N, C-alpha and C. Protein backbone atom coordinates (compact mmCIF):
# COMPACT_ATOMS: atom_id res chain seq x y z
N MET A 1 -22.31 34.21 -186.07
CA MET A 1 -22.57 35.18 -186.68
C MET A 1 -21.45 35.69 -187.76
N SER A 2 -21.27 35.86 -189.02
CA SER A 2 -20.68 35.73 -190.20
C SER A 2 -19.60 37.04 -189.67
N ASP A 3 -18.27 36.61 -190.53
CA ASP A 3 -16.86 37.69 -190.41
C ASP A 3 -17.65 38.22 -190.42
N ALA A 4 -18.28 38.52 -191.75
CA ALA A 4 -18.35 40.15 -191.57
C ALA A 4 -19.38 41.40 -190.42
N GLY A 5 -20.11 39.82 -190.20
CA GLY A 5 -21.06 40.77 -188.97
C GLY A 5 -20.22 40.68 -187.66
N ALA A 6 -19.31 40.23 -187.38
CA ALA A 6 -18.96 39.95 -186.18
C ALA A 6 -17.72 41.09 -186.07
N ASP A 7 -17.00 41.48 -187.44
CA ASP A 7 -16.11 42.30 -187.62
C ASP A 7 -16.94 43.87 -188.17
N ALA A 8 -18.19 43.70 -187.86
CA ALA A 8 -18.40 45.19 -188.12
C ALA A 8 -19.27 45.67 -186.39
N ARG A 9 -18.92 44.10 -185.22
CA ARG A 9 -19.57 44.04 -184.07
C ARG A 9 -18.39 44.53 -183.56
N ARG A 10 -16.93 44.28 -183.68
CA ARG A 10 -15.80 45.05 -183.02
C ARG A 10 -15.49 46.22 -183.27
N VAL A 11 -16.14 46.77 -184.88
CA VAL A 11 -15.31 48.53 -185.05
C VAL A 11 -16.57 48.81 -184.29
N GLU A 12 -17.78 48.62 -184.22
CA GLU A 12 -18.78 49.19 -183.08
C GLU A 12 -18.36 49.30 -181.98
N ALA A 13 -17.71 48.19 -181.36
CA ALA A 13 -17.60 48.45 -179.74
C ALA A 13 -16.39 49.42 -179.74
N VAL A 14 -15.26 49.44 -180.70
CA VAL A 14 -14.30 50.19 -180.33
C VAL A 14 -14.64 51.59 -180.68
N ARG A 15 -15.28 51.79 -181.66
CA ARG A 15 -15.87 53.46 -181.93
C ARG A 15 -16.39 53.97 -180.11
N LEU A 16 -17.23 52.71 -179.34
CA LEU A 16 -18.37 53.30 -178.66
C LEU A 16 -16.83 53.38 -177.13
N ILE A 17 -16.06 52.62 -177.23
CA ILE A 17 -15.31 52.98 -176.12
C ILE A 17 -14.06 53.64 -176.28
N ARG A 18 -13.97 54.01 -177.57
CA ARG A 18 -13.21 54.99 -177.62
C ARG A 18 -14.15 56.48 -177.66
N MET A 19 -15.50 56.88 -177.70
CA MET A 19 -16.02 57.88 -177.32
C MET A 19 -16.34 57.62 -175.50
N LEU A 20 -16.82 57.46 -175.25
CA LEU A 20 -16.94 57.34 -174.10
C LEU A 20 -16.17 57.12 -173.40
N ALA A 21 -14.74 56.75 -173.24
CA ALA A 21 -13.41 57.19 -172.54
C ALA A 21 -13.08 58.88 -173.15
N HIS A 22 -13.50 59.32 -174.29
CA HIS A 22 -13.31 61.09 -174.83
C HIS A 22 -13.99 61.17 -173.47
N ALA A 23 -15.90 60.66 -173.83
CA ALA A 23 -16.74 61.46 -172.77
C ALA A 23 -15.94 61.52 -171.52
N ARG A 24 -15.15 60.48 -171.24
CA ARG A 24 -14.89 60.19 -169.37
C ARG A 24 -16.50 59.46 -168.87
N GLN A 25 -17.19 58.62 -169.48
CA GLN A 25 -18.30 58.01 -168.91
C GLN A 25 -17.85 56.47 -169.13
N VAL A 26 -17.00 56.07 -168.52
CA VAL A 26 -16.22 55.26 -168.13
C VAL A 26 -15.91 54.38 -166.70
N ARG A 27 -17.02 53.40 -165.71
CA ARG A 27 -16.77 52.86 -164.62
C ARG A 27 -15.33 52.15 -164.32
N ILE A 28 -14.64 52.62 -163.44
CA ILE A 28 -13.26 52.13 -163.49
C ILE A 28 -13.26 50.75 -162.04
N GLU A 29 -13.25 49.54 -162.33
CA GLU A 29 -13.31 48.56 -161.42
C GLU A 29 -12.65 49.22 -160.08
N ALA A 30 -12.97 49.29 -158.84
CA ALA A 30 -11.79 49.72 -157.63
C ALA A 30 -10.70 48.73 -157.84
N ARG A 31 -10.80 47.54 -157.87
CA ARG A 31 -9.64 46.33 -158.02
C ARG A 31 -8.24 46.96 -159.08
N VAL A 32 -9.27 47.71 -159.79
CA VAL A 32 -8.32 48.49 -161.60
C VAL A 32 -7.45 49.73 -160.45
N GLN A 33 -8.57 50.33 -159.83
CA GLN A 33 -7.81 51.80 -159.61
C GLN A 33 -6.69 51.29 -158.65
N SER A 34 -7.04 50.71 -157.86
CA SER A 34 -6.17 50.54 -157.19
C SER A 34 -4.69 49.62 -157.58
N SER A 35 -5.15 49.13 -158.41
CA SER A 35 -3.72 48.37 -159.08
C SER A 35 -2.57 48.98 -160.36
N LEU A 36 -3.40 50.39 -160.31
CA LEU A 36 -2.43 51.23 -161.15
C LEU A 36 -1.34 51.86 -160.66
N GLY A 37 -1.33 52.40 -159.45
CA GLY A 37 -0.02 52.97 -158.60
C GLY A 37 1.00 51.65 -158.94
N ASP A 38 0.55 50.22 -159.56
CA ASP A 38 1.84 49.56 -159.76
C ASP A 38 2.99 49.58 -161.00
N LEU A 39 1.71 50.26 -161.67
CA LEU A 39 2.20 50.55 -162.91
C LEU A 39 2.21 52.12 -163.35
N ASP A 40 2.60 52.62 -162.19
CA ASP A 40 2.53 54.41 -162.29
C ASP A 40 2.07 55.02 -162.72
N LEU A 41 0.45 54.45 -163.22
CA LEU A 41 -0.28 54.64 -164.08
C LEU A 41 -2.00 55.65 -162.76
N ASP A 42 -2.17 56.14 -163.68
CA ASP A 42 -3.91 56.68 -162.88
C ASP A 42 -4.73 56.63 -164.19
N ALA A 43 -5.61 56.80 -163.69
CA ALA A 43 -7.02 57.07 -163.91
C ALA A 43 -6.94 57.56 -165.53
N GLU A 44 -5.90 58.97 -165.86
CA GLU A 44 -6.19 59.76 -166.64
C GLU A 44 -5.28 58.73 -167.47
N ASP A 45 -5.00 57.79 -167.80
CA ASP A 45 -3.89 57.22 -168.27
C ASP A 45 -4.77 56.15 -168.68
N VAL A 46 -5.90 55.66 -168.20
CA VAL A 46 -6.70 54.48 -168.75
C VAL A 46 -7.64 55.36 -170.07
N LEU A 47 -8.27 56.48 -169.13
CA LEU A 47 -8.62 57.22 -170.37
C LEU A 47 -8.25 57.27 -171.71
N GLU A 48 -6.68 57.85 -171.92
CA GLU A 48 -6.05 58.11 -172.37
C GLU A 48 -6.18 56.58 -173.53
N CYS A 49 -5.57 55.55 -172.71
CA CYS A 49 -5.17 54.68 -173.68
C CYS A 49 -6.35 54.53 -174.39
N LEU A 50 -7.53 53.90 -173.86
CA LEU A 50 -8.93 53.32 -174.19
C LEU A 50 -9.21 54.48 -175.19
N CYS A 51 -8.99 55.82 -175.33
CA CYS A 51 -9.28 56.68 -176.44
C CYS A 51 -8.55 55.87 -177.94
N SER A 52 -7.20 55.22 -177.50
CA SER A 52 -6.61 54.96 -178.34
C SER A 52 -6.53 53.64 -179.28
N LEU A 53 -7.42 52.91 -178.21
CA LEU A 53 -7.79 51.54 -178.70
C LEU A 53 -7.73 51.43 -180.52
N THR A 54 -7.37 49.82 -180.89
CA THR A 54 -8.07 49.93 -182.32
C THR A 54 -8.50 48.57 -181.73
N VAL A 55 -9.17 48.30 -183.15
CA VAL A 55 -9.58 46.57 -183.35
C VAL A 55 -8.69 45.60 -183.75
N GLY A 56 -7.71 46.08 -184.18
CA GLY A 56 -6.50 45.03 -184.26
C GLY A 56 -5.97 44.59 -183.30
N GLU A 57 -6.24 45.59 -182.04
CA GLU A 57 -5.09 45.08 -180.70
C GLU A 57 -6.46 44.14 -179.89
N ILE A 58 -7.67 43.46 -180.61
CA ILE A 58 -8.46 43.01 -179.82
C ILE A 58 -7.90 41.27 -179.80
N ARG A 59 -7.75 40.79 -178.87
CA ARG A 59 -7.73 39.47 -178.21
C ARG A 59 -8.24 38.72 -178.86
N GLU A 60 -9.43 38.65 -177.53
CA GLU A 60 -10.55 38.06 -177.24
C GLU A 60 -11.47 38.75 -177.04
N GLU A 61 -13.10 38.31 -177.41
CA GLU A 61 -14.31 38.82 -177.38
C GLU A 61 -15.59 37.66 -176.50
N GLU A 62 -16.10 37.55 -175.77
CA GLU A 62 -17.09 36.93 -175.12
C GLU A 62 -18.60 37.48 -174.77
N PRO A 63 -19.21 36.93 -174.64
CA PRO A 63 -20.60 37.53 -173.51
C PRO A 63 -20.03 37.65 -171.91
N ASP A 64 -20.53 38.92 -171.34
CA ASP A 64 -20.16 39.11 -170.25
C ASP A 64 -21.45 38.31 -169.72
N GLU A 65 -20.76 36.93 -168.36
CA GLU A 65 -21.88 36.21 -167.79
C GLU A 65 -22.28 36.69 -166.81
N THR A 66 -21.72 37.83 -166.80
CA THR A 66 -22.94 38.69 -165.30
C THR A 66 -23.66 39.70 -165.19
N ILE A 67 -23.62 40.15 -166.64
CA ILE A 67 -25.15 41.73 -167.24
C ILE A 67 -25.56 40.48 -168.61
N PRO A 68 -26.80 40.37 -168.78
CA PRO A 68 -27.19 40.22 -170.13
C PRO A 68 -27.51 41.45 -170.52
N GLY A 69 -26.50 40.57 -172.34
CA GLY A 69 -26.30 42.08 -173.10
C GLY A 69 -25.43 43.04 -173.04
N LYS A 70 -24.13 42.71 -172.21
CA LYS A 70 -23.46 43.22 -172.20
C LYS A 70 -21.85 42.03 -172.93
N GLU A 71 -20.99 42.65 -173.43
CA GLU A 71 -19.57 41.99 -174.50
C GLU A 71 -18.19 42.38 -173.45
N VAL A 72 -17.58 41.62 -173.28
CA VAL A 72 -16.48 41.79 -173.04
C VAL A 72 -15.67 41.71 -173.86
N TYR A 73 -14.46 42.69 -174.13
CA TYR A 73 -13.57 42.87 -175.10
C TYR A 73 -11.78 42.38 -174.41
N VAL A 74 -10.92 41.77 -174.79
CA VAL A 74 -9.73 42.25 -173.90
C VAL A 74 -8.76 42.70 -175.22
N PHE A 75 -8.17 43.35 -174.59
CA PHE A 75 -6.89 44.52 -175.77
C PHE A 75 -5.19 43.28 -175.48
N ARG A 76 -4.85 43.23 -176.28
CA ARG A 76 -3.32 43.77 -175.48
C ARG A 76 -2.64 45.00 -176.37
N LYS A 77 -2.59 46.33 -175.72
CA LYS A 77 -2.42 47.33 -175.86
C LYS A 77 -0.61 47.74 -175.23
N ARG A 78 0.01 48.11 -176.59
CA ARG A 78 1.19 48.69 -176.31
C ARG A 78 0.87 50.39 -176.03
N TYR A 79 1.20 51.58 -174.37
CA TYR A 79 0.95 52.57 -174.08
C TYR A 79 1.96 52.58 -172.95
N GLN A 80 2.49 53.77 -173.71
CA GLN A 80 3.91 54.56 -173.08
C GLN A 80 4.94 53.40 -172.47
N GLU A 81 5.30 52.51 -173.51
CA GLU A 81 6.38 51.61 -174.00
C GLU A 81 6.15 50.52 -173.33
N ARG A 82 5.20 49.68 -172.51
CA ARG A 82 4.86 48.80 -171.77
C ARG A 82 3.51 47.96 -172.76
N LEU A 83 3.29 46.71 -172.83
CA LEU A 83 2.47 45.99 -173.33
C LEU A 83 1.61 45.42 -172.30
N LEU A 84 0.20 46.45 -172.61
CA LEU A 84 -0.76 45.80 -171.54
C LEU A 84 -1.74 44.61 -171.68
N TYR A 85 -2.39 44.32 -170.43
CA TYR A 85 -3.26 43.29 -171.06
C TYR A 85 -4.49 44.42 -170.44
N VAL A 86 -5.81 44.78 -171.37
CA VAL A 86 -6.90 45.77 -170.80
C VAL A 86 -8.32 44.86 -171.33
N LYS A 87 -9.10 44.79 -170.56
CA LYS A 87 -10.35 44.47 -170.45
C LYS A 87 -11.77 44.97 -170.08
N VAL A 88 -12.37 45.31 -171.10
CA VAL A 88 -13.35 45.84 -170.75
C VAL A 88 -14.68 45.29 -170.67
N SER A 89 -15.77 45.77 -170.26
CA SER A 89 -17.48 45.71 -170.54
C SER A 89 -18.09 46.56 -171.65
N ILE A 90 -18.60 45.88 -172.52
CA ILE A 90 -19.63 47.26 -172.71
C ILE A 90 -21.33 46.46 -173.48
N ARG A 91 -21.90 47.40 -173.15
CA ARG A 91 -23.29 47.08 -173.81
C ARG A 91 -23.19 47.79 -174.90
N LEU A 92 -23.59 47.51 -175.96
CA LEU A 92 -23.48 47.75 -177.59
C LEU A 92 -24.83 48.24 -177.82
N PRO A 93 -26.01 47.99 -177.70
CA PRO A 93 -27.54 48.29 -178.30
C PRO A 93 -28.13 49.28 -177.65
N LYS A 94 -27.60 49.09 -176.35
CA LYS A 94 -29.14 50.04 -175.42
C LYS A 94 -27.87 51.25 -174.97
N ASP A 95 -27.56 51.11 -173.70
CA ASP A 95 -27.22 52.57 -172.86
C ASP A 95 -25.66 52.66 -173.35
N HIS A 96 -24.65 51.34 -173.80
CA HIS A 96 -23.54 51.96 -174.07
C HIS A 96 -22.85 51.54 -172.35
N ASP A 97 -23.16 50.94 -171.49
CA ASP A 97 -22.28 51.16 -170.99
C ASP A 97 -20.83 50.33 -170.89
N LEU A 98 -19.95 51.00 -169.65
CA LEU A 98 -18.90 51.15 -170.02
C LEU A 98 -18.00 51.20 -168.74
N LYS A 99 -17.40 49.52 -168.65
CA LYS A 99 -16.62 49.41 -167.37
C LYS A 99 -14.84 48.83 -167.84
N VAL A 100 -14.11 49.66 -167.08
CA VAL A 100 -12.58 48.96 -167.03
C VAL A 100 -12.55 47.60 -166.32
N LEU A 101 -12.59 46.15 -166.43
CA LEU A 101 -12.72 45.14 -166.11
C LEU A 101 -11.24 44.95 -165.29
N SER A 102 -10.21 45.02 -165.94
CA SER A 102 -8.54 44.80 -165.97
C SER A 102 -7.85 45.39 -166.62
N PHE A 103 -6.87 46.12 -166.20
CA PHE A 103 -5.82 46.53 -166.66
C PHE A 103 -4.56 46.82 -165.80
N LYS A 104 -3.98 45.71 -166.58
CA LYS A 104 -2.32 45.62 -166.01
C LYS A 104 -0.94 45.00 -167.18
N SER A 105 -0.31 44.56 -166.58
CA SER A 105 1.02 44.67 -167.36
C SER A 105 0.82 43.49 -168.26
N SER A 106 0.91 43.13 -169.64
CA SER A 106 0.54 41.48 -169.99
C SER A 106 1.67 41.09 -169.60
N LYS A 107 1.39 39.87 -170.14
CA LYS A 107 2.91 39.43 -169.45
C LYS A 107 3.00 38.10 -171.03
């Protein structure tokens, strides 16, 4: 994929992530839910953080090996004075299924 094509895909992914988080159409993995207390955060914080992600915060992207047609994006996001590692899986061309795979302190 060309750089312009990759850039457009990242912009679309972030737009969809923000839109779905705002609409509360996000599945948060059970292990993420259980670890939020360690950060003194909750599901509302996850949604708020997702709503403010930017393309510039993308650190990695790759196909989701578990579900064809989905992409995994890793962000490093500053939220409430801490740097977080946020990993999501999203399906861009179809139903826009969004799942939070990881949400933890970035080291």
